[in-house]
N, C-alpha and C. Protein backbone atom coordinates (compact mmCIF):
# COMPACT_ATOMS: atom_id res chain seq x y z
N MET A 1 59.28 223.31 -114.69
CA MET A 1 59.29 222.66 -115.99
C MET A 1 58.00 221.88 -116.16
N ASN A 2 57.40 222.02 -117.32
CA ASN A 2 56.19 221.27 -117.65
C ASN A 2 56.55 220.12 -118.57
N ALA A 3 55.99 218.99 -118.29
CA ALA A 3 56.23 217.83 -119.14
C ALA A 3 54.90 217.18 -119.46
N THR A 4 54.75 216.72 -120.67
CA THR A 4 53.53 216.01 -121.02
C THR A 4 53.70 214.55 -120.62
N LEU A 5 52.66 214.01 -120.05
CA LEU A 5 52.67 212.61 -119.62
C LEU A 5 51.59 211.87 -120.38
N SER A 6 51.91 210.68 -120.76
CA SER A 6 50.89 209.88 -121.44
C SER A 6 49.88 209.39 -120.42
N CYS A 7 48.73 209.07 -120.90
CA CYS A 7 47.65 208.59 -120.05
C CYS A 7 47.11 207.31 -120.66
N THR A 8 46.90 206.33 -119.84
CA THR A 8 46.32 205.07 -120.31
C THR A 8 44.99 204.87 -119.61
N LEU A 9 43.96 204.61 -120.39
CA LEU A 9 42.65 204.32 -119.83
C LEU A 9 42.41 202.82 -119.95
N TRP A 10 41.89 202.23 -118.91
CA TRP A 10 41.61 200.79 -118.90
C TRP A 10 40.11 200.59 -118.76
N PHE A 11 39.56 199.75 -119.63
CA PHE A 11 38.14 199.42 -119.56
C PHE A 11 38.05 197.90 -119.39
N PHE A 12 37.35 197.49 -118.38
CA PHE A 12 37.17 196.05 -118.14
C PHE A 12 35.79 195.65 -118.64
N ASP A 13 35.74 194.56 -119.39
CA ASP A 13 34.52 194.10 -120.04
C ASP A 13 34.06 192.80 -119.39
N LYS A 14 33.08 192.89 -118.52
CA LYS A 14 32.57 191.71 -117.83
C LYS A 14 31.76 190.81 -118.77
N ARG A 15 31.35 191.34 -119.93
CA ARG A 15 30.50 190.58 -120.84
C ARG A 15 31.27 189.83 -121.92
N LYS A 16 32.58 189.72 -121.81
CA LYS A 16 33.29 189.03 -122.89
C LYS A 16 33.50 187.54 -122.63
N ALA A 17 33.22 187.08 -121.43
CA ALA A 17 33.33 185.65 -121.15
C ALA A 17 32.38 184.89 -122.07
N GLY A 18 32.90 183.85 -122.70
CA GLY A 18 32.09 183.02 -123.59
C GLY A 18 31.87 183.64 -124.97
N THR A 19 32.56 184.73 -125.28
CA THR A 19 32.44 185.36 -126.60
C THR A 19 33.76 185.17 -127.36
N GLY A 20 33.80 185.63 -128.57
CA GLY A 20 35.02 185.59 -129.36
C GLY A 20 36.08 186.54 -128.85
N ARG A 21 35.70 187.39 -127.91
CA ARG A 21 36.66 188.34 -127.33
C ARG A 21 37.39 187.77 -126.13
N GLN A 22 36.97 186.61 -125.66
CA GLN A 22 37.62 186.01 -124.50
C GLN A 22 39.09 185.77 -124.82
N ASN A 23 39.96 186.03 -123.86
CA ASN A 23 41.41 185.88 -124.00
C ASN A 23 42.00 186.83 -125.04
N LYS A 24 41.31 187.95 -125.26
CA LYS A 24 41.80 188.98 -126.19
C LYS A 24 41.67 190.34 -125.51
N ILE A 25 42.53 191.25 -125.92
CA ILE A 25 42.50 192.61 -125.38
C ILE A 25 42.56 193.58 -126.55
N LEU A 26 41.70 194.58 -126.52
CA LEU A 26 41.71 195.64 -127.51
C LEU A 26 42.67 196.73 -127.04
N PHE A 27 43.67 197.01 -127.85
CA PHE A 27 44.60 198.10 -127.58
C PHE A 27 44.30 199.23 -128.55
N MET A 28 44.31 200.45 -128.03
CA MET A 28 43.99 201.59 -128.88
C MET A 28 45.00 202.70 -128.64
N ASN A 29 45.45 203.31 -129.72
CA ASN A 29 46.33 204.47 -129.65
C ASN A 29 45.48 205.68 -129.99
N ALA A 30 45.13 206.45 -128.97
CA ALA A 30 44.30 207.64 -129.16
C ALA A 30 45.10 208.91 -128.84
N GLN A 31 46.42 208.83 -129.00
CA GLN A 31 47.27 209.96 -128.60
C GLN A 31 47.07 211.19 -129.47
N ASP A 32 46.40 211.06 -130.59
CA ASP A 32 46.16 212.21 -131.45
C ASP A 32 44.68 212.56 -131.54
N ILE A 33 43.86 211.93 -130.71
CA ILE A 33 42.42 212.20 -130.73
C ILE A 33 42.09 213.06 -129.52
N PHE A 34 42.32 214.34 -129.63
CA PHE A 34 41.98 215.28 -128.58
C PHE A 34 42.12 216.69 -129.13
N THR A 35 41.60 217.65 -128.39
CA THR A 35 41.74 219.05 -128.74
C THR A 35 42.54 219.73 -127.64
N THR A 36 43.61 220.39 -128.01
CA THR A 36 44.46 221.07 -127.04
C THR A 36 43.80 222.37 -126.60
N ILE A 37 43.69 222.56 -125.29
CA ILE A 37 43.18 223.81 -124.74
C ILE A 37 44.37 224.74 -124.49
N ASP A 38 45.34 224.24 -123.77
CA ASP A 38 46.61 224.94 -123.56
C ASP A 38 47.66 223.87 -123.31
N ARG A 39 48.86 224.29 -122.96
CA ARG A 39 49.97 223.34 -122.85
C ARG A 39 49.69 222.21 -121.86
N ALA A 40 48.94 222.50 -120.82
CA ALA A 40 48.71 221.52 -119.77
C ALA A 40 47.34 220.85 -119.83
N HIS A 41 46.47 221.31 -120.72
CA HIS A 41 45.11 220.79 -120.73
C HIS A 41 44.64 220.43 -122.14
N SER A 42 43.90 219.35 -122.20
CA SER A 42 43.29 218.90 -123.45
C SER A 42 41.87 218.48 -123.15
N GLU A 43 41.06 218.38 -124.19
CA GLU A 43 39.70 217.91 -124.00
C GLU A 43 39.30 217.11 -125.24
N TRP A 44 38.22 216.35 -125.09
CA TRP A 44 37.69 215.58 -126.20
C TRP A 44 36.39 216.23 -126.65
N THR A 45 36.22 216.35 -127.96
CA THR A 45 34.93 216.79 -128.50
C THR A 45 34.02 215.57 -128.57
N ASN A 46 32.74 215.81 -128.78
CA ASN A 46 31.80 214.68 -128.91
C ASN A 46 32.20 213.79 -130.08
N GLU A 47 32.66 214.39 -131.18
CA GLU A 47 33.07 213.60 -132.35
C GLU A 47 34.26 212.72 -132.02
N GLN A 48 35.20 213.24 -131.26
CA GLN A 48 36.39 212.47 -130.89
C GLN A 48 36.00 211.32 -129.95
N ILE A 49 35.11 211.59 -129.03
CA ILE A 49 34.63 210.53 -128.12
C ILE A 49 33.92 209.46 -128.93
N GLN A 50 33.12 209.86 -129.90
CA GLN A 50 32.40 208.90 -130.73
C GLN A 50 33.35 208.07 -131.59
N GLU A 51 34.46 208.66 -132.03
CA GLU A 51 35.45 207.90 -132.80
C GLU A 51 36.02 206.76 -131.95
N ILE A 52 36.37 207.09 -130.71
CA ILE A 52 36.91 206.08 -129.79
C ILE A 52 35.83 205.05 -129.45
N ALA A 53 34.64 205.53 -129.11
CA ALA A 53 33.54 204.62 -128.74
C ALA A 53 33.16 203.72 -129.91
N GLY A 54 33.21 204.25 -131.12
CA GLY A 54 32.87 203.46 -132.30
C GLY A 54 33.80 202.27 -132.47
N ILE A 55 35.08 202.46 -132.21
CA ILE A 55 36.04 201.36 -132.28
C ILE A 55 35.66 200.28 -131.27
N VAL A 56 35.34 200.71 -130.05
CA VAL A 56 34.97 199.76 -129.00
C VAL A 56 33.66 199.04 -129.37
N ARG A 57 32.69 199.78 -129.87
CA ARG A 57 31.41 199.16 -130.25
C ARG A 57 31.59 198.12 -131.35
N ARG A 58 32.43 198.43 -132.33
CA ARG A 58 32.69 197.45 -133.40
C ARG A 58 33.41 196.24 -132.84
N TYR A 59 34.36 196.46 -131.94
CA TYR A 59 35.09 195.35 -131.31
C TYR A 59 34.12 194.45 -130.55
N ARG A 60 33.16 195.05 -129.87
CA ARG A 60 32.17 194.28 -129.11
C ARG A 60 31.07 193.71 -130.00
N ALA A 61 31.12 194.02 -131.28
CA ALA A 61 30.11 193.57 -132.26
C ALA A 61 28.70 193.98 -131.81
N GLU A 62 28.58 195.23 -131.37
CA GLU A 62 27.28 195.72 -130.94
C GLU A 62 26.36 195.89 -132.14
N LYS A 63 25.08 195.68 -131.90
CA LYS A 63 24.08 195.74 -132.96
C LYS A 63 24.11 197.10 -133.66
N GLY A 64 24.06 197.06 -134.99
CA GLY A 64 24.04 198.29 -135.76
C GLY A 64 25.41 198.86 -136.07
N GLU A 65 26.45 198.25 -135.53
CA GLU A 65 27.81 198.71 -135.79
C GLU A 65 28.42 197.87 -136.90
N GLY A 66 29.39 198.42 -137.59
CA GLY A 66 30.09 197.66 -138.62
C GLY A 66 30.99 196.62 -137.99
N LYS A 67 31.68 195.90 -138.84
CA LYS A 67 32.58 194.84 -138.38
C LYS A 67 33.89 195.46 -137.92
N TYR A 68 34.41 194.99 -136.79
CA TYR A 68 35.69 195.48 -136.28
C TYR A 68 36.84 194.97 -137.14
N LYS A 69 37.82 195.82 -137.35
CA LYS A 69 39.09 195.37 -137.92
C LYS A 69 40.19 196.26 -137.35
N ASP A 70 41.37 195.67 -137.21
CA ASP A 70 42.52 196.43 -136.71
C ASP A 70 42.81 197.57 -137.68
N ILE A 71 43.19 198.71 -137.13
CA ILE A 71 43.54 199.87 -137.93
C ILE A 71 44.98 200.25 -137.58
N LYS A 72 45.86 200.17 -138.57
CA LYS A 72 47.27 200.48 -138.35
C LYS A 72 47.40 201.88 -137.74
N GLY A 73 48.11 201.95 -136.64
CA GLY A 73 48.33 203.22 -135.96
C GLY A 73 47.23 203.61 -135.00
N ARG A 74 46.09 202.89 -135.00
CA ARG A 74 44.97 203.27 -134.14
C ARG A 74 44.58 202.19 -133.15
N CYS A 75 44.34 200.95 -133.63
CA CYS A 75 43.86 199.91 -132.70
C CYS A 75 44.23 198.53 -133.21
N LYS A 76 44.35 197.60 -132.25
CA LYS A 76 44.65 196.21 -132.56
C LYS A 76 44.15 195.32 -131.44
N VAL A 77 43.62 194.19 -131.82
CA VAL A 77 43.23 193.18 -130.83
C VAL A 77 44.40 192.21 -130.70
N ALA A 78 44.86 192.04 -129.47
CA ALA A 78 45.96 191.11 -129.20
C ALA A 78 45.45 189.94 -128.38
N THR A 79 46.01 188.79 -128.66
CA THR A 79 45.66 187.59 -127.90
C THR A 79 46.53 187.51 -126.65
N LEU A 80 46.11 186.68 -125.71
CA LEU A 80 46.92 186.49 -124.50
C LEU A 80 48.29 185.91 -124.85
N GLU A 81 48.34 185.11 -125.92
CA GLU A 81 49.64 184.54 -126.35
C GLU A 81 50.58 185.65 -126.81
N GLU A 82 50.05 186.62 -127.56
CA GLU A 82 50.88 187.75 -128.00
C GLU A 82 51.38 188.56 -126.79
N ILE A 83 50.50 188.74 -125.84
CA ILE A 83 50.85 189.52 -124.64
C ILE A 83 51.90 188.76 -123.83
N ARG A 84 51.72 187.47 -123.70
CA ARG A 84 52.71 186.64 -123.01
C ARG A 84 54.07 186.75 -123.71
N ALA A 85 54.07 186.70 -125.06
CA ALA A 85 55.31 186.78 -125.85
C ALA A 85 56.00 188.14 -125.68
N ASN A 86 55.24 189.15 -125.29
CA ASN A 86 55.79 190.49 -125.05
C ASN A 86 56.05 190.74 -123.57
N GLY A 87 56.28 189.67 -122.83
CA GLY A 87 56.60 189.80 -121.41
C GLY A 87 55.47 190.39 -120.59
N TYR A 88 54.24 190.14 -121.00
CA TYR A 88 53.03 190.63 -120.34
C TYR A 88 52.94 192.16 -120.32
N SER A 89 53.60 192.80 -121.26
CA SER A 89 53.52 194.25 -121.37
C SER A 89 52.12 194.64 -121.86
N LEU A 90 51.52 195.61 -121.20
CA LEU A 90 50.22 196.12 -121.61
C LEU A 90 50.34 197.52 -122.19
N ASN A 91 51.51 197.83 -122.71
CA ASN A 91 51.75 199.10 -123.37
C ASN A 91 51.17 199.01 -124.78
N PRO A 92 50.19 199.86 -125.13
CA PRO A 92 49.58 199.79 -126.46
C PRO A 92 50.60 199.88 -127.60
N GLY A 93 51.68 200.60 -127.39
CA GLY A 93 52.70 200.75 -128.43
C GLY A 93 53.33 199.43 -128.86
N ARG A 94 53.25 198.41 -128.02
CA ARG A 94 53.78 197.10 -128.39
C ARG A 94 52.92 196.38 -129.41
N TYR A 95 51.66 196.78 -129.51
CA TYR A 95 50.71 196.04 -130.34
C TYR A 95 50.16 196.87 -131.51
N VAL A 96 49.91 198.13 -131.27
CA VAL A 96 49.38 199.00 -132.32
C VAL A 96 50.55 199.50 -133.14
N GLU A 97 50.55 199.17 -134.42
CA GLU A 97 51.65 199.58 -135.29
C GLU A 97 51.70 201.10 -135.41
N ILE A 98 52.89 201.61 -135.50
CA ILE A 98 53.08 203.04 -135.67
C ILE A 98 53.00 203.37 -137.16
N ILE A 99 52.29 204.43 -137.47
CA ILE A 99 52.19 204.87 -138.86
C ILE A 99 53.43 205.70 -139.17
N GLU A 100 54.08 205.34 -140.24
CA GLU A 100 55.25 206.10 -140.65
C GLU A 100 54.79 207.36 -141.36
N LYS A 101 55.25 208.50 -140.85
CA LYS A 101 54.87 209.76 -141.46
C LYS A 101 55.85 210.09 -142.58
N GLU A 102 55.28 210.63 -143.63
CA GLU A 102 56.09 210.99 -144.78
C GLU A 102 56.93 212.22 -144.45
N ILE A 103 58.19 212.17 -144.77
CA ILE A 103 59.07 213.30 -144.55
C ILE A 103 58.86 214.29 -145.67
N SER A 104 58.66 215.55 -145.30
CA SER A 104 58.39 216.57 -146.31
C SER A 104 59.65 216.90 -147.10
N ASN A 105 59.45 217.53 -148.22
CA ASN A 105 60.56 217.91 -149.09
C ASN A 105 61.09 219.31 -148.79
N ILE A 106 60.78 219.83 -147.61
CA ILE A 106 61.22 221.18 -147.25
C ILE A 106 62.73 221.19 -147.06
N ASP A 107 63.35 222.24 -147.60
CA ASP A 107 64.79 222.44 -147.41
C ASP A 107 64.99 222.89 -145.96
N PHE A 108 65.54 222.00 -145.13
CA PHE A 108 65.67 222.26 -143.71
C PHE A 108 66.48 223.52 -143.43
N ASP A 109 67.64 223.67 -144.05
CA ASP A 109 68.50 224.84 -143.80
C ASP A 109 67.78 226.13 -144.16
N LYS A 110 67.11 226.14 -145.30
CA LYS A 110 66.39 227.34 -145.74
C LYS A 110 65.27 227.68 -144.75
N ARG A 111 64.50 226.66 -144.38
CA ARG A 111 63.38 226.88 -143.45
C ARG A 111 63.88 227.34 -142.09
N MET A 112 64.99 226.76 -141.63
CA MET A 112 65.55 227.15 -140.33
C MET A 112 66.01 228.61 -140.36
N LYS A 113 66.61 229.04 -141.45
CA LYS A 113 67.04 230.44 -141.59
C LYS A 113 65.83 231.38 -141.57
N GLU A 114 64.74 230.96 -142.25
CA GLU A 114 63.52 231.77 -142.23
C GLU A 114 62.97 231.89 -140.82
N LEU A 115 62.93 230.78 -140.12
CA LEU A 115 62.40 230.79 -138.75
C LEU A 115 63.28 231.60 -137.81
N MET A 116 64.59 231.48 -137.98
CA MET A 116 65.51 232.26 -137.14
C MET A 116 65.36 233.76 -137.41
N GLY A 117 65.16 234.12 -138.67
CA GLY A 117 64.93 235.52 -139.02
C GLY A 117 63.66 236.04 -138.37
N GLU A 118 62.60 235.22 -138.44
CA GLU A 118 61.33 235.60 -137.81
C GLU A 118 61.48 235.71 -136.30
N PHE A 119 62.21 234.78 -135.71
CA PHE A 119 62.45 234.80 -134.27
C PHE A 119 63.22 236.07 -133.87
N SER A 120 64.26 236.40 -134.62
CA SER A 120 65.06 237.61 -134.33
C SER A 120 64.20 238.86 -134.43
N SER A 121 63.37 238.93 -135.47
CA SER A 121 62.49 240.08 -135.66
C SER A 121 61.49 240.21 -134.50
N LEU A 122 60.90 239.08 -134.10
CA LEU A 122 59.94 239.11 -132.99
C LEU A 122 60.63 239.46 -131.67
N THR A 123 61.83 238.97 -131.47
CA THR A 123 62.58 239.29 -130.25
C THR A 123 62.90 240.77 -130.20
N SER A 124 63.34 241.33 -131.33
CA SER A 124 63.63 242.77 -131.41
C SER A 124 62.39 243.59 -131.10
N GLU A 125 61.27 243.21 -131.69
CA GLU A 125 60.00 243.91 -131.45
C GLU A 125 59.60 243.80 -129.97
N ALA A 126 59.81 242.64 -129.37
CA ALA A 126 59.49 242.45 -127.95
C ALA A 126 60.32 243.39 -127.08
N HIS A 127 61.61 243.54 -127.40
CA HIS A 127 62.47 244.44 -126.63
C HIS A 127 62.02 245.90 -126.77
N LYS A 128 61.61 246.30 -127.98
CA LYS A 128 61.11 247.67 -128.20
C LYS A 128 59.85 247.91 -127.36
N LEU A 129 58.95 246.93 -127.38
CA LEU A 129 57.71 247.07 -126.60
C LEU A 129 58.00 247.10 -125.10
N GLU A 130 58.96 246.31 -124.68
CA GLU A 130 59.35 246.29 -123.27
C GLU A 130 59.85 247.67 -122.84
N LYS A 131 60.70 248.31 -123.66
CA LYS A 131 61.22 249.66 -123.36
C LYS A 131 60.09 250.67 -123.34
N LYS A 132 59.14 250.55 -124.28
CA LYS A 132 58.01 251.48 -124.33
C LYS A 132 57.16 251.35 -123.08
N ILE A 133 56.92 250.12 -122.64
CA ILE A 133 56.14 249.90 -121.41
C ILE A 133 56.84 250.53 -120.22
N GLN A 134 58.16 250.34 -120.11
CA GLN A 134 58.92 250.93 -119.00
C GLN A 134 58.85 252.46 -119.04
N THR A 135 58.97 253.04 -120.23
CA THR A 135 58.90 254.50 -120.37
C THR A 135 57.51 255.00 -120.01
N ASP A 136 56.48 254.36 -120.53
CA ASP A 136 55.10 254.75 -120.23
C ASP A 136 54.79 254.59 -118.74
N TRP A 137 55.33 253.57 -118.12
CA TRP A 137 55.10 253.34 -116.69
C TRP A 137 55.72 254.48 -115.88
N LYS A 138 56.93 254.87 -116.26
CA LYS A 138 57.59 255.99 -115.57
C LYS A 138 56.79 257.27 -115.74
N ASP A 139 56.24 257.51 -116.95
CA ASP A 139 55.43 258.71 -117.20
C ASP A 139 54.17 258.72 -116.35
N ILE A 140 53.58 257.56 -116.15
CA ILE A 140 52.34 257.46 -115.35
C ILE A 140 52.65 257.73 -113.88
N ASN A 141 53.78 257.28 -113.39
CA ASN A 141 54.11 257.37 -111.98
C ASN A 141 54.78 258.69 -111.59
N CYS A 142 54.99 259.62 -112.51
CA CYS A 142 55.66 260.87 -112.18
C CYS A 142 54.78 261.84 -111.49
């Protein structure tokens, strides 16, 4: 059985002492910023890496970057007091708000019947191809 596991990356910033970032932590939800290669592998494009890096650069107020602001569903700066109030949990989901996705107006029953019909058709075709392969294999080995 294959299961997807979440991954948390931690970056420690030695340069935040004495800045406005002291006693604050940047939390980021990047669970949708990647390109799927296959079920078990994903990768980041340069654009995706730059999206993540841009958030960090704005948070650090690096020269030439825009001003940082929390983005609902993507990133939030939490204070140590907020973290303390959350039982010292460092799970980004506690701080980065989840974006509510709009539910589509698709008729579920109708769509499910369409998908089941397509599934049945594909399964039937797969069985026909399987029989043809077995027949062809027997012909080759005679």
